[in-house]
Amino acid sequence: MPEEFEQKMIDIARVTRVMAGGKRMRFRACVAVGNKKGRVAIGLAKGADVTAAVTKAVNQAKKNFIDVPIVNETIPHEIYQKLGAAKILLKPAKKGRGIIAGGAVRILLELSGIKNVTSKILGTGNKVNNVKCAIEALTNLKKAEVKAVKPAKPADAKAMADKQEKVAENV
């Protein structure tokens, strides 16, 4: 991984599979990777030990980067995202406000390079689902574009000619 990318652990869990001969323990790691310049990703992987799970998660994250539109150190517009039981609300904030976010979503927003944003986790408290929902929300953000003024509807040529005749008659 290039030096410019930073990785942070979101969640580690010991998971168990019941086999015929007993229980098999593994570890699940959820890792966020970002460059603090608008690129961020998450990886979720399992391994026999924690280091193997983290390594696999980082490798998976490297394959799934998304570009986050950042305008004046915040997001271009408010967004509400739902993914399963996870619900997230992200709102742009004024400069100097900082990242107001809880837990796993805060880590993701920091790594994406957003400096001023307000967020609220409205659904489940599950870190993995909340991070997936936040990634979906960041993916669905629209680029801030200058909205072009819509051209006027083309006027009916006959109606315009009639109006001009009436004006000419009145003069």
N, C-alpha and C. Protein backbone atom coordinates (compact mmCIF):
# COMPACT_ATOMS: atom_id res chain seq x y z
N MET A 1 0.85 -1.17 0.00
CA MET A 1 0.00 0.00 0.00
C MET A 1 0.89 1.23 0.00
N PRO A 2 0.59 2.22 -0.86
CA PRO A 2 1.41 3.43 -0.88
C PRO A 2 1.39 4.12 0.48
N GLU A 3 2.47 4.84 0.77
CA GLU A 3 2.62 5.49 2.07
C GLU A 3 1.52 6.51 2.35
N GLU A 4 0.95 7.11 1.29
CA GLU A 4 -0.03 8.17 1.51
C GLU A 4 -1.34 7.63 2.09
N PHE A 5 -1.59 6.33 1.98
CA PHE A 5 -2.82 5.77 2.51
C PHE A 5 -2.65 5.39 3.97
N GLU A 6 -3.67 5.69 4.74
CA GLU A 6 -3.67 5.39 6.16
C GLU A 6 -4.77 4.37 6.42
N GLN A 7 -4.53 3.45 7.35
CA GLN A 7 -5.54 2.45 7.66
C GLN A 7 -5.90 2.51 9.13
N LYS A 8 -7.18 2.29 9.41
CA LYS A 8 -7.64 2.27 10.80
C LYS A 8 -8.60 1.10 10.99
N MET A 9 -8.49 0.50 12.15
CA MET A 9 -9.33 -0.64 12.50
C MET A 9 -10.72 -0.13 12.90
N ILE A 10 -11.74 -0.74 12.35
CA ILE A 10 -13.10 -0.38 12.74
C ILE A 10 -13.66 -1.40 13.72
N ASP A 11 -13.43 -2.68 13.43
CA ASP A 11 -14.00 -3.71 14.29
C ASP A 11 -13.21 -5.00 14.16
N ILE A 12 -13.02 -5.69 15.28
CA ILE A 12 -12.47 -7.05 15.26
C ILE A 12 -13.43 -7.91 16.06
N ALA A 13 -13.80 -9.05 15.51
CA ALA A 13 -14.72 -9.94 16.21
C ALA A 13 -14.22 -11.37 16.10
N ARG A 14 -14.41 -12.12 17.18
CA ARG A 14 -14.10 -13.55 17.13
C ARG A 14 -15.38 -14.26 16.73
N VAL A 15 -15.31 -14.96 15.61
CA VAL A 15 -16.49 -15.66 15.10
C VAL A 15 -16.26 -17.16 15.20
N THR A 16 -17.34 -17.90 15.36
CA THR A 16 -17.24 -19.34 15.58
C THR A 16 -18.13 -20.08 14.60
N ARG A 17 -17.60 -21.15 14.05
CA ARG A 17 -18.40 -22.04 13.21
C ARG A 17 -18.45 -23.39 13.92
N VAL A 18 -19.65 -23.92 14.05
CA VAL A 18 -19.80 -25.22 14.71
C VAL A 18 -19.65 -26.31 13.65
N MET A 19 -18.64 -27.14 13.86
CA MET A 19 -18.35 -28.24 12.93
C MET A 19 -18.71 -29.56 13.62
N ALA A 20 -18.59 -30.65 12.89
CA ALA A 20 -18.91 -31.97 13.44
C ALA A 20 -18.01 -32.29 14.63
N GLY A 21 -16.74 -31.87 14.55
CA GLY A 21 -15.79 -32.18 15.62
C GLY A 21 -15.73 -31.14 16.72
N GLY A 22 -16.53 -30.11 16.63
CA GLY A 22 -16.50 -29.06 17.66
C GLY A 22 -16.60 -27.68 17.02
N LYS A 23 -16.12 -26.67 17.74
CA LYS A 23 -16.22 -25.30 17.26
C LYS A 23 -14.91 -24.86 16.61
N ARG A 24 -15.02 -24.13 15.51
CA ARG A 24 -13.82 -23.59 14.85
C ARG A 24 -13.83 -22.08 15.00
N MET A 25 -12.81 -21.54 15.65
CA MET A 25 -12.70 -20.11 15.90
C MET A 25 -11.92 -19.43 14.79
N ARG A 26 -12.41 -18.27 14.37
CA ARG A 26 -11.70 -17.42 13.41
C ARG A 26 -11.89 -15.98 13.85
N PHE A 27 -11.20 -15.08 13.20
CA PHE A 27 -11.33 -13.66 13.51
C PHE A 27 -11.80 -12.90 12.28
N ARG A 28 -12.72 -11.96 12.50
CA ARG A 28 -13.21 -11.11 11.42
C ARG A 28 -12.72 -9.69 11.69
N ALA A 29 -12.12 -9.07 10.68
CA ALA A 29 -11.61 -7.70 10.82
C ALA A 29 -12.30 -6.80 9.81
N CYS A 30 -12.65 -5.61 10.26
CA CYS A 30 -13.19 -4.58 9.39
C CYS A 30 -12.22 -3.40 9.46
N VAL A 31 -11.68 -3.02 8.31
CA VAL A 31 -10.63 -1.99 8.25
C VAL A 31 -11.05 -0.92 7.25
N ALA A 32 -10.79 0.34 7.62
CA ALA A 32 -11.01 1.46 6.69
C ALA A 32 -9.66 1.97 6.22
N VAL A 33 -9.55 2.28 4.94
CA VAL A 33 -8.31 2.77 4.34
C VAL A 33 -8.63 4.04 3.57
N GLY A 34 -7.81 5.08 3.75
CA GLY A 34 -8.06 6.33 3.02
C GLY A 34 -6.81 7.17 2.91
N ASN A 35 -6.86 8.16 1.99
CA ASN A 35 -5.69 9.02 1.80
C ASN A 35 -5.94 10.45 2.30
N LYS A 36 -7.09 10.70 2.90
CA LYS A 36 -7.46 12.02 3.41
C LYS A 36 -7.51 13.08 2.31
N LYS A 37 -7.68 12.62 1.07
CA LYS A 37 -7.78 13.54 -0.08
C LYS A 37 -8.95 13.15 -0.97
N GLY A 38 -9.93 12.46 -0.40
CA GLY A 38 -11.12 12.14 -1.18
C GLY A 38 -11.22 10.70 -1.65
N ARG A 39 -10.31 9.83 -1.20
CA ARG A 39 -10.40 8.42 -1.57
C ARG A 39 -10.45 7.58 -0.30
N VAL A 40 -11.44 6.70 -0.22
CA VAL A 40 -11.62 5.89 0.98
C VAL A 40 -12.22 4.54 0.59
N ALA A 41 -11.97 3.52 1.42
CA ALA A 41 -12.51 2.18 1.17
C ALA A 41 -12.60 1.43 2.49
N ILE A 42 -13.42 0.39 2.49
CA ILE A 42 -13.45 -0.50 3.64
C ILE A 42 -13.22 -1.93 3.16
N GLY A 43 -12.66 -2.73 4.05
CA GLY A 43 -12.44 -4.14 3.76
C GLY A 43 -12.92 -4.97 4.93
N LEU A 44 -13.53 -6.09 4.64
CA LEU A 44 -14.05 -6.99 5.67
C LEU A 44 -13.56 -8.39 5.32
N ALA A 45 -12.80 -9.01 6.24
CA ALA A 45 -12.25 -10.33 5.93
C ALA A 45 -12.07 -11.14 7.21
N LYS A 46 -11.97 -12.46 7.03
CA LYS A 46 -11.76 -13.37 8.15
C LYS A 46 -10.41 -14.06 8.00
N GLY A 47 -9.83 -14.43 9.13
CA GLY A 47 -8.57 -15.15 9.10
C GLY A 47 -8.40 -15.99 10.35
N ALA A 48 -7.41 -16.88 10.32
CA ALA A 48 -7.17 -17.77 11.45
C ALA A 48 -6.72 -17.00 12.68
N ASP A 49 -5.98 -15.91 12.47
CA ASP A 49 -5.62 -15.03 13.58
C ASP A 49 -5.88 -13.58 13.19
N VAL A 50 -5.71 -12.67 14.14
CA VAL A 50 -6.07 -11.27 13.91
C VAL A 50 -5.24 -10.66 12.79
N THR A 51 -3.94 -10.91 12.77
CA THR A 51 -3.08 -10.29 11.75
C THR A 51 -3.45 -10.76 10.35
N ALA A 52 -3.79 -12.05 10.21
CA ALA A 52 -4.20 -12.57 8.90
C ALA A 52 -5.51 -11.91 8.46
N ALA A 53 -6.43 -11.75 9.38
CA ALA A 53 -7.71 -11.12 9.05
C ALA A 53 -7.52 -9.66 8.64
N VAL A 54 -6.67 -8.95 9.38
CA VAL A 54 -6.42 -7.53 9.07
C VAL A 54 -5.74 -7.39 7.71
N THR A 55 -4.75 -8.23 7.43
CA THR A 55 -4.06 -8.19 6.15
C THR A 55 -5.03 -8.44 4.99
N LYS A 56 -5.88 -9.45 5.14
CA LYS A 56 -6.86 -9.74 4.10
C LYS A 56 -7.84 -8.58 3.92
N ALA A 57 -8.25 -7.97 5.03
CA ALA A 57 -9.21 -6.86 4.97
C ALA A 57 -8.59 -5.65 4.26
N VAL A 58 -7.32 -5.37 4.55
CA VAL A 58 -6.63 -4.24 3.89
C VAL A 58 -6.51 -4.51 2.39
N ASN A 59 -6.16 -5.73 2.02
CA ASN A 59 -6.05 -6.09 0.60
C ASN A 59 -7.40 -5.96 -0.10
N GLN A 60 -8.47 -6.33 0.58
CA GLN A 60 -9.80 -6.19 -0.02
C GLN A 60 -10.16 -4.72 -0.16
N ALA A 61 -9.82 -3.92 0.84
CA ALA A 61 -10.14 -2.48 0.80
C ALA A 61 -9.42 -1.81 -0.36
N LYS A 62 -8.19 -2.22 -0.63
CA LYS A 62 -7.42 -1.61 -1.72
C LYS A 62 -8.11 -1.78 -3.08
N LYS A 63 -8.94 -2.79 -3.19
CA LYS A 63 -9.63 -3.06 -4.45
C LYS A 63 -10.95 -2.30 -4.58
N ASN A 64 -11.38 -1.64 -3.51
CA ASN A 64 -12.72 -1.05 -3.50
C ASN A 64 -12.74 0.44 -3.18
N PHE A 65 -11.76 1.19 -3.62
CA PHE A 65 -11.73 2.63 -3.32
C PHE A 65 -12.88 3.35 -4.00
N ILE A 66 -13.42 4.35 -3.30
CA ILE A 66 -14.42 5.24 -3.90
C ILE A 66 -13.89 6.66 -3.81
N ASP A 67 -14.33 7.51 -4.73
CA ASP A 67 -13.97 8.92 -4.71
C ASP A 67 -15.09 9.70 -4.04
N VAL A 68 -14.72 10.51 -3.06
CA VAL A 68 -15.69 11.29 -2.31
C VAL A 68 -15.60 12.74 -2.77
N PRO A 69 -16.71 13.33 -3.24
CA PRO A 69 -16.66 14.75 -3.62
C PRO A 69 -16.57 15.63 -2.37
N ILE A 70 -15.53 16.46 -2.31
CA ILE A 70 -15.33 17.35 -1.17
C ILE A 70 -15.37 18.78 -1.68
N VAL A 71 -16.23 19.61 -1.06
CA VAL A 71 -16.36 21.01 -1.44
C VAL A 71 -16.15 21.85 -0.18
N ASN A 72 -15.13 22.69 -0.18
CA ASN A 72 -14.81 23.53 0.98
C ASN A 72 -14.70 22.71 2.26
N GLU A 73 -13.99 21.61 2.19
CA GLU A 73 -13.72 20.71 3.31
C GLU A 73 -14.96 20.03 3.89
N THR A 74 -16.07 20.03 3.15
CA THR A 74 -17.28 19.36 3.60
C THR A 74 -17.93 18.63 2.41
N ILE A 75 -19.09 18.05 2.64
CA ILE A 75 -19.78 17.35 1.56
C ILE A 75 -20.65 18.34 0.79
N PRO A 76 -20.95 18.06 -0.48
CA PRO A 76 -21.69 19.02 -1.30
C PRO A 76 -23.15 19.22 -0.87
N HIS A 77 -23.78 18.20 -0.29
CA HIS A 77 -25.19 18.33 0.09
C HIS A 77 -25.53 17.32 1.17
N GLU A 78 -26.68 17.51 1.79
CA GLU A 78 -27.17 16.59 2.81
C GLU A 78 -27.60 15.29 2.15
N ILE A 79 -27.41 14.17 2.86
CA ILE A 79 -27.84 12.88 2.32
C ILE A 79 -28.30 11.98 3.45
N TYR A 80 -29.38 11.25 3.18
CA TYR A 80 -29.90 10.24 4.10
C TYR A 80 -29.78 8.91 3.39
N GLN A 81 -29.15 7.95 4.04
CA GLN A 81 -28.92 6.65 3.40
C GLN A 81 -29.42 5.54 4.30
N LYS A 82 -30.05 4.54 3.70
CA LYS A 82 -30.51 3.38 4.43
C LYS A 82 -29.93 2.14 3.77
N LEU A 83 -29.39 1.24 4.58
CA LEU A 83 -28.85 -0.03 4.07
C LEU A 83 -29.18 -1.08 5.12
N GLY A 84 -30.15 -1.92 4.85
CA GLY A 84 -30.59 -2.88 5.85
C GLY A 84 -31.18 -2.13 7.04
N ALA A 85 -30.71 -2.44 8.24
CA ALA A 85 -31.21 -1.75 9.44
C ALA A 85 -30.42 -0.49 9.74
N ALA A 86 -29.35 -0.26 8.99
CA ALA A 86 -28.51 0.92 9.23
C ALA A 86 -29.08 2.13 8.50
N LYS A 87 -29.18 3.23 9.23
CA LYS A 87 -29.65 4.49 8.64
C LYS A 87 -28.67 5.58 9.06
N ILE A 88 -28.22 6.36 8.09
CA ILE A 88 -27.24 7.41 8.37
C ILE A 88 -27.68 8.71 7.73
N LEU A 89 -27.50 9.79 8.47
CA LEU A 89 -27.77 11.13 7.96
C LEU A 89 -26.46 11.91 7.98
N LEU A 90 -26.05 12.42 6.83
CA LEU A 90 -24.84 13.24 6.73
C LEU A 90 -25.25 14.64 6.29
N LYS A 91 -24.75 15.65 6.99
CA LYS A 91 -25.06 17.04 6.65
C LYS A 91 -23.78 17.83 6.52
N PRO A 92 -23.69 18.72 5.52
CA PRO A 92 -22.52 19.58 5.43
C PRO A 92 -22.48 20.54 6.62
N ALA A 93 -21.27 20.94 7.01
CA ALA A 93 -21.12 21.86 8.14
C ALA A 93 -20.20 23.01 7.74
N LYS A 94 -20.31 24.11 8.47
CA LYS A 94 -19.48 25.28 8.19
C LYS A 94 -18.03 25.00 8.58
N LYS A 95 -17.13 25.77 8.00
CA LYS A 95 -15.71 25.61 8.28
C LYS A 95 -15.44 25.85 9.76
N GLY A 96 -14.63 24.99 10.36
CA GLY A 96 -14.28 25.11 11.76
C GLY A 96 -15.17 24.29 12.68
N ARG A 97 -16.21 23.71 12.14
CA ARG A 97 -17.15 22.94 12.96
C ARG A 97 -16.56 21.58 13.34
N GLY A 98 -15.79 20.98 12.43
CA GLY A 98 -15.18 19.69 12.70
C GLY A 98 -16.09 18.53 12.32
N ILE A 99 -15.61 17.33 12.60
CA ILE A 99 -16.39 16.13 12.30
C ILE A 99 -17.21 15.77 13.53
N ILE A 100 -18.52 15.90 13.39
CA ILE A 100 -19.41 15.51 14.48
C ILE A 100 -20.06 14.21 14.02
N ALA A 101 -19.50 13.11 14.49
CA ALA A 101 -19.98 11.80 14.07
C ALA A 101 -19.61 10.79 15.14
N GLY A 102 -20.34 9.71 15.16
CA GLY A 102 -20.09 8.70 16.16
C GLY A 102 -19.32 7.51 15.62
N GLY A 103 -18.47 6.98 16.47
CA GLY A 103 -17.81 5.70 16.25
C GLY A 103 -17.19 5.47 14.90
N ALA A 104 -17.69 4.42 14.25
CA ALA A 104 -17.10 3.95 13.00
C ALA A 104 -17.26 4.95 11.87
N VAL A 105 -18.35 5.69 11.86
CA VAL A 105 -18.59 6.66 10.78
C VAL A 105 -17.56 7.79 10.86
N ARG A 106 -17.19 8.19 12.08
CA ARG A 106 -16.17 9.23 12.27
C ARG A 106 -14.84 8.81 11.64
N ILE A 107 -14.43 7.57 11.88
CA ILE A 107 -13.17 7.06 11.31
C ILE A 107 -13.21 7.15 9.79
N LEU A 108 -14.31 6.74 9.20
CA LEU A 108 -14.46 6.75 7.75
C LEU A 108 -14.39 8.17 7.20
N LEU A 109 -15.08 9.10 7.84
CA LEU A 109 -15.10 10.49 7.39
C LEU A 109 -13.72 11.14 7.51
N GLU A 110 -12.99 10.83 8.60
CA GLU A 110 -11.63 11.36 8.77
C GLU A 110 -10.72 10.87 7.66
N LEU A 111 -10.79 9.57 7.36
CA LEU A 111 -9.92 8.99 6.34
C LEU A 111 -10.27 9.47 4.93
N SER A 112 -11.51 9.90 4.73
CA SER A 112 -11.91 10.38 3.41
C SER A 112 -11.42 11.81 3.15
N GLY A 113 -11.05 12.53 4.20
CA GLY A 113 -10.54 13.89 4.02
C GLY A 113 -11.57 14.97 4.28
N ILE A 114 -12.77 14.59 4.67
CA ILE A 114 -13.79 15.57 5.01
C ILE A 114 -13.45 16.13 6.39
N LYS A 115 -13.43 17.46 6.50
CA LYS A 115 -13.04 18.07 7.77
C LYS A 115 -14.21 18.63 8.56
N ASN A 116 -15.29 19.00 7.89
CA ASN A 116 -16.45 19.59 8.56
C ASN A 116 -17.72 18.90 8.09
N VAL A 117 -18.31 18.13 8.98
CA VAL A 117 -19.55 17.42 8.63
C VAL A 117 -20.26 17.04 9.93
N THR A 118 -21.57 17.00 9.86
CA THR A 118 -22.38 16.54 10.98
C THR A 118 -23.08 15.27 10.53
N SER A 119 -23.08 14.26 11.40
CA SER A 119 -23.76 13.02 11.01
C SER A 119 -24.51 12.45 12.20
N LYS A 120 -25.48 11.62 11.88
CA LYS A 120 -26.24 10.95 12.91
C LYS A 120 -26.52 9.53 12.46
N ILE A 121 -26.22 8.57 13.33
CA ILE A 121 -26.56 7.17 13.08
C ILE A 121 -27.95 6.97 13.66
N LEU A 122 -28.91 6.62 12.81
CA LEU A 122 -30.30 6.55 13.23
C LEU A 122 -30.79 5.12 13.44
N GLY A 123 -30.13 4.16 12.84
CA GLY A 123 -30.62 2.78 12.91
C GLY A 123 -29.83 1.94 13.89
N THR A 124 -29.30 0.86 13.42
CA THR A 124 -28.59 -0.12 14.24
C THR A 124 -27.29 0.44 14.81
N GLY A 125 -26.81 -0.20 15.84
CA GLY A 125 -25.52 0.17 16.42
C GLY A 125 -24.38 -0.68 15.88
N ASN A 126 -24.68 -1.56 14.94
CA ASN A 126 -23.68 -2.46 14.37
C ASN A 126 -22.65 -1.66 13.56
N LYS A 127 -21.39 -1.71 13.99
CA LYS A 127 -20.33 -0.90 13.35
C LYS A 127 -20.15 -1.24 11.88
N VAL A 128 -20.13 -2.52 11.56
CA VAL A 128 -19.88 -2.94 10.18
C VAL A 128 -21.00 -2.46 9.26
N ASN A 129 -22.25 -2.63 9.68
CA ASN A 129 -23.37 -2.19 8.85
C ASN A 129 -23.41 -0.67 8.73
N ASN A 130 -23.06 0.04 9.80
CA ASN A 130 -23.05 1.50 9.75
C ASN A 130 -21.97 2.01 8.79
N VAL A 131 -20.81 1.36 8.78
CA VAL A 131 -19.74 1.77 7.88
C VAL A 131 -20.12 1.47 6.43
N LYS A 132 -20.74 0.32 6.18
CA LYS A 132 -21.19 0.00 4.82
C LYS A 132 -22.22 1.03 4.36
N CYS A 133 -23.11 1.43 5.25
CA CYS A 133 -24.13 2.43 4.92
C CYS A 133 -23.48 3.78 4.64
N ALA A 134 -22.47 4.15 5.43
CA ALA A 134 -21.77 5.42 5.22
C ALA A 134 -21.03 5.42 3.89
N ILE A 135 -20.42 4.30 3.52
CA ILE A 135 -19.75 4.18 2.22
C ILE A 135 -20.77 4.36 1.10
N GLU A 136 -21.94 3.76 1.26
CA GLU A 136 -23.01 3.90 0.26
C GLU A 136 -23.44 5.36 0.15
N ALA A 137 -23.56 6.04 1.30
CA ALA A 137 -23.95 7.46 1.29
C ALA A 137 -22.89 8.31 0.59
N LEU A 138 -21.61 8.06 0.88
CA LEU A 138 -20.53 8.83 0.25
C LEU A 138 -20.49 8.55 -1.26
N THR A 139 -20.81 7.32 -1.65
CA THR A 139 -20.84 6.97 -3.07
C THR A 139 -21.96 7.72 -3.78
N ASN A 140 -23.08 7.91 -3.10
CA ASN A 140 -24.25 8.54 -3.72
C ASN A 140 -24.21 10.06 -3.68
N LEU A 141 -23.18 10.64 -3.09
CA LEU A 141 -23.06 12.10 -3.11
C LEU A 141 -22.83 12.56 -4.53
N LYS A 142 -23.50 13.61 -4.92
CA LYS A 142 -23.34 14.17 -6.26
C LYS A 142 -22.22 15.20 -6.24
N LYS A 143 -21.52 15.28 -7.34
CA LYS A 143 -20.48 16.29 -7.47
C LYS A 143 -21.13 17.66 -7.43
N ALA A 144 -20.48 18.62 -6.81
CA ALA A 144 -21.01 19.98 -6.76
C ALA A 144 -20.76 20.64 -8.10
N GLU A 145 -21.81 20.84 -8.84
CA GLU A 145 -21.69 21.45 -10.15
C GLU A 145 -22.49 22.74 -10.16
N VAL A 146 -22.05 23.67 -10.94
CA VAL A 146 -22.81 24.90 -11.09
C VAL A 146 -24.02 24.56 -11.95
N LYS A 147 -25.19 24.79 -11.40
CA LYS A 147 -26.41 24.43 -12.13
C LYS A 147 -26.66 25.48 -13.20
N ALA A 148 -26.78 25.02 -14.42
CA ALA A 148 -27.04 25.93 -15.54
C ALA A 148 -28.49 26.38 -15.49
N VAL A 149 -28.72 27.62 -15.85
CA VAL A 149 -30.08 28.15 -15.90
C VAL A 149 -30.77 27.49 -17.08
N LYS A 150 -31.98 27.00 -16.84
CA LYS A 150 -32.72 26.33 -17.92
C LYS A 150 -33.10 27.37 -18.97
N PRO A 151 -32.91 27.03 -20.24
CA PRO A 151 -33.33 27.97 -21.28
C PRO A 151 -34.85 28.07 -21.30
N ALA A 152 -35.34 29.23 -21.67
CA ALA A 152 -36.78 29.43 -21.73
C ALA A 152 -37.38 28.49 -22.77
N LYS A 153 -38.64 28.15 -22.56
CA LYS A 153 -39.30 27.26 -23.52
C LYS A 153 -39.42 27.99 -24.85
N PRO A 154 -39.22 27.29 -25.95
CA PRO A 154 -39.34 27.96 -27.25
C PRO A 154 -40.77 28.46 -27.44
N ALA A 155 -40.88 29.72 -27.73
CA ALA A 155 -42.21 30.33 -27.89
C ALA A 155 -42.80 29.95 -29.23
N ASP A 156 -44.09 29.90 -29.26
CA ASP A 156 -44.80 29.59 -30.49
C ASP A 156 -44.63 30.77 -31.45
N ALA A 157 -44.12 30.53 -32.62
CA ALA A 157 -43.83 31.60 -33.58
C ALA A 157 -45.09 32.36 -33.97
N LYS A 158 -46.20 31.64 -34.14
CA LYS A 158 -47.44 32.28 -34.55
C LYS A 158 -47.96 33.21 -33.44
N ALA A 159 -47.89 32.73 -32.19
CA ALA A 159 -48.36 33.54 -31.06
C ALA A 159 -47.52 34.80 -30.93
N MET A 160 -46.22 34.68 -31.14
CA MET A 160 -45.34 35.85 -31.07
C MET A 160 -45.69 36.85 -32.17
N ALA A 161 -45.97 36.36 -33.37
CA ALA A 161 -46.32 37.25 -34.48
C ALA A 161 -47.63 37.97 -34.19
N ASP A 162 -48.62 37.26 -33.62
CA ASP A 162 -49.90 37.88 -33.26
C ASP A 162 -49.71 38.97 -32.22
N LYS A 163 -48.86 38.71 -31.21
CA LYS A 163 -48.61 39.71 -30.17
C LYS A 163 -47.98 40.96 -30.77
N GLN A 164 -47.03 40.75 -31.68
CA GLN A 164 -46.35 41.89 -32.29
C GLN A 164 -47.33 42.72 -33.13
N GLU A 165 -48.27 42.03 -33.82
CA GLU A 165 -49.28 42.75 -34.61
C GLU A 165 -50.18 43.59 -33.72
N LYS A 166 -50.61 43.02 -32.57
CA LYS A 166 -51.48 43.75 -31.64
C LYS A 166 -50.77 44.98 -31.09
N VAL A 167 -49.50 44.82 -30.76
CA VAL A 167 -48.71 45.94 -30.24
C VAL A 167 -48.58 47.00 -31.32
N ALA A 168 -48.37 46.58 -32.56
CA ALA A 168 -48.22 47.53 -33.67
C ALA A 168 -49.54 48.28 -33.91
N GLU A 169 -50.69 47.60 -33.77
CA GLU A 169 -51.99 48.24 -33.96
C GLU A 169 -52.28 49.28 -32.88
N ASN A 170 -51.85 48.98 -31.65
CA ASN A 170 -52.12 49.88 -30.53
C ASN A 170 -51.26 51.13 -30.56
N VAL A 171 -50.17 51.11 -31.27
CA VAL A 171 -49.26 52.26 -31.29
C VAL A 171 -49.71 53.31 -32.23
